[in-house]
Amino acid sequence: MLKVSSPYKGYSLQGKHEIRSAHKEYLTFNFSFLSDDPDHNLDKNSKTINKRVRLKLLEKIANLSSRNIVEVLNLRREEGFERIDEDQVSISINKKFIQSKRHLECDDGYWIFRLNDLGRVIGRKNENIYYLLAIDTKFEMYSHG
């Protein structure tokens, strides 16, 4: 009979160790770069962004930010996001967003979420940060066909 003897005894961890699950990632929403156009931002004098739109926006952000980002990105576009190529969206981007060079760090295209029949929120996404760039209540910033 052949005996195999190995000096390797394996590696043992010293002390107390436990395997913990990773933290879930959630979306965060950044309002710093909303459009300068009062028809597309939260300016209190806006004629297009009324209390109903503001309330729906708050409800939607509360819903999206309380769910794991993987779950959110897998929702149907009516509930979560849809991505549209940059050349299909007509938007005036806040100059500070470009000056900060954040646009270079973002995923391709615009990421849009719906406020039911009240409008659409158009923004850019960088990992788990969503930059709100405009609120479109007139449905004029891209083709809805």
N, C-alpha and C. Protein backbone atom coordinates (compact mmCIF):
# COMPACT_ATOMS: atom_id res chain seq x y z
N MET A 1 0.84 -1.17 0.00
CA MET A 1 0.00 0.00 0.00
C MET A 1 0.89 1.23 0.00
N LEU A 2 0.49 2.21 -0.79
CA LEU A 2 1.25 3.46 -0.95
C LEU A 2 0.73 4.50 0.04
N LYS A 3 1.61 5.05 0.84
CA LYS A 3 1.23 6.10 1.78
C LYS A 3 1.67 7.44 1.22
N VAL A 4 0.72 8.40 1.20
CA VAL A 4 1.05 9.74 0.74
C VAL A 4 1.09 10.64 1.96
N SER A 5 2.18 11.28 2.13
CA SER A 5 2.33 12.17 3.26
C SER A 5 2.60 13.56 2.73
N SER A 6 1.79 14.50 3.16
CA SER A 6 1.94 15.87 2.70
C SER A 6 2.15 16.78 3.90
N PRO A 7 3.14 17.66 3.81
CA PRO A 7 3.37 18.57 4.93
C PRO A 7 2.31 19.68 5.00
N TYR A 8 1.48 19.87 3.94
CA TYR A 8 0.49 20.94 3.93
C TYR A 8 -0.68 20.57 4.80
N LYS A 9 -0.97 21.36 5.76
CA LYS A 9 -2.06 21.09 6.70
C LYS A 9 -3.29 21.95 6.43
N GLY A 10 -3.22 22.81 5.43
CA GLY A 10 -4.36 23.70 5.15
C GLY A 10 -4.22 25.01 5.90
N TYR A 11 -5.09 25.92 5.57
CA TYR A 11 -5.05 27.23 6.19
C TYR A 11 -6.20 27.34 7.17
N SER A 12 -5.92 27.80 8.34
CA SER A 12 -7.00 27.99 9.31
C SER A 12 -7.02 29.46 9.73
N LEU A 13 -8.21 29.96 9.81
CA LEU A 13 -8.39 31.35 10.23
C LEU A 13 -8.37 31.44 11.74
N GLN A 14 -7.70 32.41 12.23
CA GLN A 14 -7.62 32.62 13.66
C GLN A 14 -8.70 33.61 14.07
N GLY A 15 -9.29 33.42 15.20
CA GLY A 15 -10.28 34.36 15.70
C GLY A 15 -11.68 34.06 15.18
N LYS A 16 -12.59 34.95 15.47
CA LYS A 16 -14.00 34.77 15.10
C LYS A 16 -14.23 35.33 13.69
N HIS A 17 -14.84 34.54 12.84
CA HIS A 17 -15.12 34.96 11.46
C HIS A 17 -16.53 34.54 11.10
N GLU A 18 -17.19 35.40 10.38
CA GLU A 18 -18.53 35.06 9.91
C GLU A 18 -18.70 35.58 8.48
N ILE A 19 -19.52 34.91 7.76
CA ILE A 19 -19.82 35.35 6.40
C ILE A 19 -21.07 36.21 6.48
N ARG A 20 -20.93 37.44 6.03
CA ARG A 20 -22.05 38.38 6.06
C ARG A 20 -22.50 38.67 4.64
N SER A 21 -23.79 38.91 4.48
CA SER A 21 -24.28 39.27 3.14
C SER A 21 -23.89 40.71 2.84
N ALA A 22 -23.69 40.98 1.57
CA ALA A 22 -23.32 42.33 1.14
C ALA A 22 -24.49 43.28 1.32
N HIS A 23 -24.17 44.55 1.51
CA HIS A 23 -25.22 45.55 1.60
C HIS A 23 -25.94 45.67 0.27
N LYS A 24 -27.22 45.91 0.33
CA LYS A 24 -27.97 46.17 -0.90
C LYS A 24 -27.64 47.58 -1.35
N GLU A 25 -27.65 47.78 -2.65
CA GLU A 25 -27.42 49.11 -3.21
C GLU A 25 -28.75 49.75 -3.53
N TYR A 26 -28.91 50.99 -3.15
CA TYR A 26 -30.13 51.74 -3.41
C TYR A 26 -29.80 52.96 -4.25
N LEU A 27 -30.77 53.41 -5.01
CA LEU A 27 -30.61 54.64 -5.78
C LEU A 27 -30.63 55.84 -4.87
N THR A 28 -29.83 56.82 -5.20
CA THR A 28 -29.91 58.12 -4.55
C THR A 28 -30.23 59.13 -5.65
N PHE A 29 -30.94 60.16 -5.29
CA PHE A 29 -31.41 61.14 -6.26
C PHE A 29 -30.77 62.49 -5.98
N ASN A 30 -30.20 63.08 -7.03
CA ASN A 30 -29.50 64.35 -6.92
C ASN A 30 -30.26 65.41 -7.73
N PHE A 31 -30.69 66.47 -7.05
CA PHE A 31 -31.46 67.55 -7.68
C PHE A 31 -30.60 68.76 -8.04
N SER A 32 -29.30 68.68 -7.82
CA SER A 32 -28.42 69.83 -7.99
C SER A 32 -28.37 70.39 -9.39
N PHE A 33 -28.70 69.59 -10.39
CA PHE A 33 -28.49 70.01 -11.77
C PHE A 33 -29.79 70.06 -12.58
N LEU A 34 -30.91 70.31 -11.90
CA LEU A 34 -32.17 70.48 -12.63
C LEU A 34 -32.05 71.64 -13.60
N SER A 35 -32.77 71.55 -14.66
CA SER A 35 -32.77 72.58 -15.71
C SER A 35 -33.00 73.98 -15.12
N ASP A 36 -32.43 74.98 -15.77
CA ASP A 36 -32.67 76.36 -15.37
C ASP A 36 -34.04 76.85 -15.85
N ASP A 37 -34.65 76.13 -16.77
CA ASP A 37 -35.95 76.49 -17.34
C ASP A 37 -37.05 76.22 -16.31
N PRO A 38 -37.78 77.25 -15.86
CA PRO A 38 -38.81 77.04 -14.84
C PRO A 38 -39.94 76.10 -15.29
N ASP A 39 -40.09 75.87 -16.58
CA ASP A 39 -41.10 74.91 -17.04
C ASP A 39 -40.63 73.47 -16.84
N HIS A 40 -39.35 73.29 -16.52
CA HIS A 40 -38.80 71.94 -16.37
C HIS A 40 -38.07 71.73 -15.05
N ASN A 41 -38.27 72.61 -14.09
CA ASN A 41 -37.64 72.41 -12.79
C ASN A 41 -38.67 72.60 -11.68
N LEU A 42 -38.24 72.64 -10.45
CA LEU A 42 -39.15 72.74 -9.31
C LEU A 42 -39.33 74.16 -8.81
N ASP A 43 -39.05 75.13 -9.66
CA ASP A 43 -39.23 76.53 -9.30
C ASP A 43 -40.67 76.75 -8.82
N LYS A 44 -40.82 77.47 -7.72
CA LYS A 44 -42.17 77.66 -7.16
C LYS A 44 -43.08 78.46 -8.07
N ASN A 45 -42.52 79.20 -9.03
CA ASN A 45 -43.34 79.98 -9.95
C ASN A 45 -43.64 79.24 -11.26
N SER A 46 -43.27 77.99 -11.32
CA SER A 46 -43.47 77.21 -12.54
C SER A 46 -44.96 77.09 -12.86
N LYS A 47 -45.28 77.24 -14.12
CA LYS A 47 -46.67 77.10 -14.55
C LYS A 47 -46.99 75.65 -14.92
N THR A 48 -45.97 74.82 -15.07
CA THR A 48 -46.20 73.44 -15.50
C THR A 48 -45.98 72.41 -14.39
N ILE A 49 -45.21 72.76 -13.37
CA ILE A 49 -44.94 71.82 -12.28
C ILE A 49 -45.81 72.22 -11.09
N ASN A 50 -46.97 71.61 -11.02
CA ASN A 50 -47.92 71.97 -9.96
C ASN A 50 -47.79 71.01 -8.76
N LYS A 51 -48.68 71.17 -7.79
CA LYS A 51 -48.61 70.36 -6.57
C LYS A 51 -48.81 68.88 -6.85
N ARG A 52 -49.66 68.54 -7.80
CA ARG A 52 -49.89 67.14 -8.15
C ARG A 52 -48.61 66.50 -8.69
N VAL A 53 -47.91 67.24 -9.55
CA VAL A 53 -46.66 66.74 -10.12
C VAL A 53 -45.62 66.57 -9.01
N ARG A 54 -45.51 67.55 -8.13
CA ARG A 54 -44.54 67.49 -7.03
C ARG A 54 -44.81 66.28 -6.12
N LEU A 55 -46.08 66.07 -5.80
CA LEU A 55 -46.45 64.95 -4.93
C LEU A 55 -46.14 63.61 -5.62
N LYS A 56 -46.47 63.49 -6.89
CA LYS A 56 -46.19 62.25 -7.63
C LYS A 56 -44.68 62.02 -7.72
N LEU A 57 -43.91 63.08 -7.93
CA LEU A 57 -42.45 62.98 -7.97
C LEU A 57 -41.92 62.46 -6.64
N LEU A 58 -42.40 63.00 -5.54
CA LEU A 58 -41.97 62.57 -4.22
C LEU A 58 -42.34 61.10 -3.98
N GLU A 59 -43.56 60.72 -4.34
CA GLU A 59 -43.99 59.33 -4.18
C GLU A 59 -43.11 58.38 -5.00
N LYS A 60 -42.82 58.76 -6.23
CA LYS A 60 -42.04 57.91 -7.12
C LYS A 60 -40.61 57.75 -6.60
N ILE A 61 -40.01 58.85 -6.17
CA ILE A 61 -38.64 58.78 -5.64
C ILE A 61 -38.59 57.96 -4.36
N ALA A 62 -39.58 58.12 -3.50
CA ALA A 62 -39.63 57.32 -2.27
C ALA A 62 -39.73 55.83 -2.62
N ASN A 63 -40.54 55.50 -3.61
CA ASN A 63 -40.69 54.10 -4.03
C ASN A 63 -39.39 53.56 -4.63
N LEU A 64 -38.82 54.28 -5.57
CA LEU A 64 -37.61 53.80 -6.24
C LEU A 64 -36.41 53.71 -5.31
N SER A 65 -36.30 54.65 -4.39
CA SER A 65 -35.13 54.67 -3.50
C SER A 65 -35.23 53.66 -2.36
N SER A 66 -36.40 53.06 -2.17
CA SER A 66 -36.56 52.07 -1.11
C SER A 66 -36.36 50.65 -1.62
N ARG A 67 -36.08 50.50 -2.91
CA ARG A 67 -35.90 49.18 -3.51
C ARG A 67 -34.45 48.99 -3.96
N ASN A 68 -34.00 47.76 -3.94
CA ASN A 68 -32.67 47.42 -4.40
C ASN A 68 -32.52 47.87 -5.86
N ILE A 69 -31.39 48.45 -6.20
CA ILE A 69 -31.17 48.99 -7.55
C ILE A 69 -31.32 47.90 -8.62
N VAL A 70 -30.93 46.67 -8.31
CA VAL A 70 -31.08 45.58 -9.28
C VAL A 70 -32.56 45.35 -9.57
N GLU A 71 -33.37 45.38 -8.54
CA GLU A 71 -34.82 45.23 -8.71
C GLU A 71 -35.39 46.39 -9.52
N VAL A 72 -34.98 47.60 -9.20
CA VAL A 72 -35.49 48.79 -9.90
C VAL A 72 -35.16 48.73 -11.39
N LEU A 73 -33.93 48.36 -11.72
CA LEU A 73 -33.51 48.34 -13.12
C LEU A 73 -34.17 47.20 -13.90
N ASN A 74 -34.77 46.26 -13.20
CA ASN A 74 -35.48 45.17 -13.87
C ASN A 74 -36.99 45.38 -13.93
N LEU A 75 -37.46 46.51 -13.42
CA LEU A 75 -38.90 46.81 -13.50
C LEU A 75 -39.28 47.17 -14.93
N ARG A 76 -40.54 46.98 -15.26
CA ARG A 76 -41.04 47.45 -16.55
C ARG A 76 -40.89 48.97 -16.60
N ARG A 77 -40.77 49.52 -17.79
CA ARG A 77 -40.53 50.96 -17.92
C ARG A 77 -41.66 51.80 -17.32
N GLU A 78 -42.85 51.27 -17.24
CA GLU A 78 -43.97 52.00 -16.64
C GLU A 78 -43.77 52.20 -15.13
N GLU A 79 -43.02 51.30 -14.51
CA GLU A 79 -42.80 51.37 -13.06
C GLU A 79 -41.40 51.85 -12.69
N GLY A 80 -40.44 51.56 -13.56
CA GLY A 80 -39.05 51.90 -13.27
C GLY A 80 -38.49 52.89 -14.27
N PHE A 81 -37.44 52.50 -14.96
CA PHE A 81 -36.74 53.38 -15.89
C PHE A 81 -36.81 52.86 -17.32
N GLU A 82 -36.67 53.78 -18.23
CA GLU A 82 -36.39 53.42 -19.62
C GLU A 82 -35.20 54.27 -20.05
N ARG A 83 -34.35 53.68 -20.88
CA ARG A 83 -33.17 54.39 -21.36
C ARG A 83 -33.40 54.81 -22.80
N ILE A 84 -33.08 56.07 -23.09
CA ILE A 84 -33.25 56.61 -24.44
C ILE A 84 -31.92 57.23 -24.86
N ASP A 85 -31.54 56.97 -26.11
CA ASP A 85 -30.30 57.53 -26.64
C ASP A 85 -30.32 59.06 -26.57
N GLU A 86 -29.14 59.63 -26.37
CA GLU A 86 -29.00 61.07 -26.22
C GLU A 86 -29.53 61.85 -27.43
N ASP A 87 -29.31 61.32 -28.62
CA ASP A 87 -29.74 62.04 -29.83
C ASP A 87 -31.25 62.03 -30.05
N GLN A 88 -31.99 61.31 -29.21
CA GLN A 88 -33.44 61.26 -29.33
C GLN A 88 -34.14 62.16 -28.32
N VAL A 89 -33.37 62.85 -27.49
CA VAL A 89 -33.94 63.70 -26.45
C VAL A 89 -33.52 65.14 -26.68
N SER A 90 -34.50 66.03 -26.63
CA SER A 90 -34.23 67.46 -26.79
C SER A 90 -34.30 68.11 -25.42
N ILE A 91 -33.12 68.38 -24.86
CA ILE A 91 -33.06 68.89 -23.50
C ILE A 91 -31.95 69.92 -23.38
N SER A 92 -32.22 70.95 -22.60
CA SER A 92 -31.20 71.95 -22.30
C SER A 92 -30.59 71.57 -20.95
N ILE A 93 -29.36 71.09 -20.97
CA ILE A 93 -28.72 70.61 -19.75
C ILE A 93 -28.12 71.77 -18.97
N ASN A 94 -28.30 71.74 -17.69
CA ASN A 94 -27.73 72.72 -16.78
C ASN A 94 -26.21 72.77 -17.00
N LYS A 95 -25.67 73.97 -17.22
CA LYS A 95 -24.24 74.13 -17.50
C LYS A 95 -23.35 73.58 -16.38
N LYS A 96 -23.83 73.67 -15.15
CA LYS A 96 -23.04 73.19 -14.01
C LYS A 96 -22.81 71.68 -14.08
N PHE A 97 -23.76 70.96 -14.67
CA PHE A 97 -23.61 69.52 -14.82
C PHE A 97 -22.45 69.19 -15.75
N ILE A 98 -22.37 69.93 -16.84
CA ILE A 98 -21.28 69.74 -17.81
C ILE A 98 -19.95 70.21 -17.21
N GLN A 99 -19.97 71.38 -16.55
CA GLN A 99 -18.74 71.92 -15.96
C GLN A 99 -18.17 70.99 -14.89
N SER A 100 -19.04 70.31 -14.19
CA SER A 100 -18.59 69.39 -13.14
C SER A 100 -18.00 68.10 -13.71
N LYS A 101 -18.20 67.90 -15.02
CA LYS A 101 -17.75 66.71 -15.74
C LYS A 101 -18.43 65.43 -15.28
N ARG A 102 -19.52 65.56 -14.54
CA ARG A 102 -20.26 64.38 -14.10
C ARG A 102 -20.86 63.62 -15.29
N HIS A 103 -21.18 64.36 -16.35
CA HIS A 103 -21.76 63.70 -17.53
C HIS A 103 -20.81 62.65 -18.11
N LEU A 104 -19.52 62.83 -17.92
CA LEU A 104 -18.54 61.88 -18.43
C LEU A 104 -18.51 60.57 -17.63
N GLU A 105 -19.00 60.62 -16.40
CA GLU A 105 -19.01 59.45 -15.53
C GLU A 105 -20.30 58.65 -15.64
N CYS A 106 -21.30 59.21 -16.33
CA CYS A 106 -22.63 58.59 -16.38
C CYS A 106 -22.73 57.51 -17.45
N ASP A 107 -23.70 56.64 -17.23
CA ASP A 107 -24.03 55.62 -18.23
C ASP A 107 -24.51 56.31 -19.49
N ASP A 108 -24.43 55.62 -20.60
CA ASP A 108 -24.88 56.17 -21.88
C ASP A 108 -26.37 56.47 -21.86
N GLY A 109 -26.76 57.50 -22.58
CA GLY A 109 -28.16 57.84 -22.76
C GLY A 109 -28.79 58.51 -21.56
N TYR A 110 -30.07 58.84 -21.74
CA TYR A 110 -30.87 59.42 -20.66
C TYR A 110 -31.69 58.32 -20.03
N TRP A 111 -31.87 58.42 -18.74
CA TRP A 111 -32.67 57.47 -17.99
C TRP A 111 -33.92 58.22 -17.54
N ILE A 112 -35.06 57.69 -17.92
CA ILE A 112 -36.33 58.40 -17.74
C ILE A 112 -37.26 57.57 -16.86
N PHE A 113 -37.93 58.24 -15.93
CA PHE A 113 -39.00 57.55 -15.21
C PHE A 113 -40.28 58.36 -15.32
N ARG A 114 -41.37 57.64 -15.23
CA ARG A 114 -42.70 58.21 -15.49
C ARG A 114 -43.38 58.68 -14.22
N LEU A 115 -44.11 59.75 -14.37
CA LEU A 115 -44.97 60.26 -13.30
C LEU A 115 -46.42 60.06 -13.75
N ASN A 116 -46.73 58.83 -14.11
CA ASN A 116 -48.03 58.47 -14.69
C ASN A 116 -48.32 59.38 -15.87
N ASP A 117 -49.53 59.90 -15.96
CA ASP A 117 -49.90 60.78 -17.07
C ASP A 117 -49.55 62.24 -16.79
N LEU A 118 -48.82 62.49 -15.70
CA LEU A 118 -48.46 63.86 -15.33
C LEU A 118 -47.16 64.32 -15.97
N GLY A 119 -46.32 63.38 -16.40
CA GLY A 119 -45.06 63.79 -17.00
C GLY A 119 -43.99 62.73 -16.90
N ARG A 120 -42.78 63.14 -17.29
CA ARG A 120 -41.61 62.28 -17.27
C ARG A 120 -40.46 63.04 -16.61
N VAL A 121 -39.61 62.32 -15.92
CA VAL A 121 -38.40 62.89 -15.35
C VAL A 121 -37.23 62.37 -16.17
N ILE A 122 -36.42 63.28 -16.64
CA ILE A 122 -35.30 62.93 -17.50
C ILE A 122 -34.01 63.19 -16.73
N GLY A 123 -33.13 62.21 -16.74
CA GLY A 123 -31.88 62.35 -16.00
C GLY A 123 -30.80 61.46 -16.55
N ARG A 124 -29.69 61.47 -15.85
CA ARG A 124 -28.54 60.63 -16.18
C ARG A 124 -28.22 59.80 -14.95
N LYS A 125 -27.65 58.63 -15.16
CA LYS A 125 -27.37 57.71 -14.07
C LYS A 125 -25.88 57.39 -14.04
N ASN A 126 -25.31 57.48 -12.86
CA ASN A 126 -23.92 57.07 -12.62
C ASN A 126 -23.96 56.07 -11.47
N GLU A 127 -23.89 54.79 -11.83
CA GLU A 127 -24.01 53.69 -10.87
C GLU A 127 -25.31 53.84 -10.09
N ASN A 128 -25.27 54.19 -8.80
CA ASN A 128 -26.51 54.29 -8.05
C ASN A 128 -26.97 55.75 -7.85
N ILE A 129 -26.33 56.69 -8.50
CA ILE A 129 -26.73 58.10 -8.40
C ILE A 129 -27.54 58.48 -9.64
N TYR A 130 -28.72 59.00 -9.40
CA TYR A 130 -29.57 59.47 -10.50
C TYR A 130 -29.63 61.00 -10.43
N TYR A 131 -29.14 61.65 -11.49
CA TYR A 131 -29.17 63.11 -11.57
C TYR A 131 -30.42 63.54 -12.31
N LEU A 132 -31.33 64.20 -11.61
CA LEU A 132 -32.53 64.75 -12.26
C LEU A 132 -32.11 65.97 -13.05
N LEU A 133 -32.41 65.97 -14.35
CA LEU A 133 -32.02 67.08 -15.21
C LEU A 133 -33.21 67.91 -15.66
N ALA A 134 -34.38 67.29 -15.81
CA ALA A 134 -35.56 68.03 -16.26
C ALA A 134 -36.83 67.24 -15.94
N ILE A 135 -37.91 67.97 -15.75
CA ILE A 135 -39.22 67.37 -15.57
C ILE A 135 -40.06 67.83 -16.75
N ASP A 136 -40.52 66.87 -17.53
CA ASP A 136 -41.24 67.15 -18.77
C ASP A 136 -42.72 66.85 -18.59
N THR A 137 -43.51 67.87 -18.31
CA THR A 137 -44.95 67.68 -18.14
C THR A 137 -45.73 67.92 -19.42
N LYS A 138 -45.05 68.43 -20.44
CA LYS A 138 -45.71 68.68 -21.73
C LYS A 138 -45.42 67.56 -22.74
N PHE A 139 -44.64 66.58 -22.34
CA PHE A 139 -44.28 65.44 -23.18
C PHE A 139 -43.68 65.90 -24.51
N GLU A 140 -42.75 66.86 -24.40
CA GLU A 140 -42.19 67.46 -25.61
C GLU A 140 -40.69 67.19 -25.80
N MET A 141 -40.05 66.54 -24.84
CA MET A 141 -38.61 66.39 -24.91
C MET A 141 -38.13 65.19 -25.72
N TYR A 142 -39.03 64.24 -25.97
CA TYR A 142 -38.70 63.09 -26.82
C TYR A 142 -39.99 62.49 -27.36
N SER A 143 -39.87 61.71 -28.41
CA SER A 143 -41.02 61.09 -29.05
C SER A 143 -41.56 59.96 -28.17
N HIS A 144 -42.85 59.96 -27.97
CA HIS A 144 -43.49 58.96 -27.13
C HIS A 144 -44.18 57.89 -27.99
N GLY A 145 -43.89 57.91 -29.31
CA GLY A 145 -44.53 57.00 -30.26
C GLY A 145 -44.18 55.62 -30.04
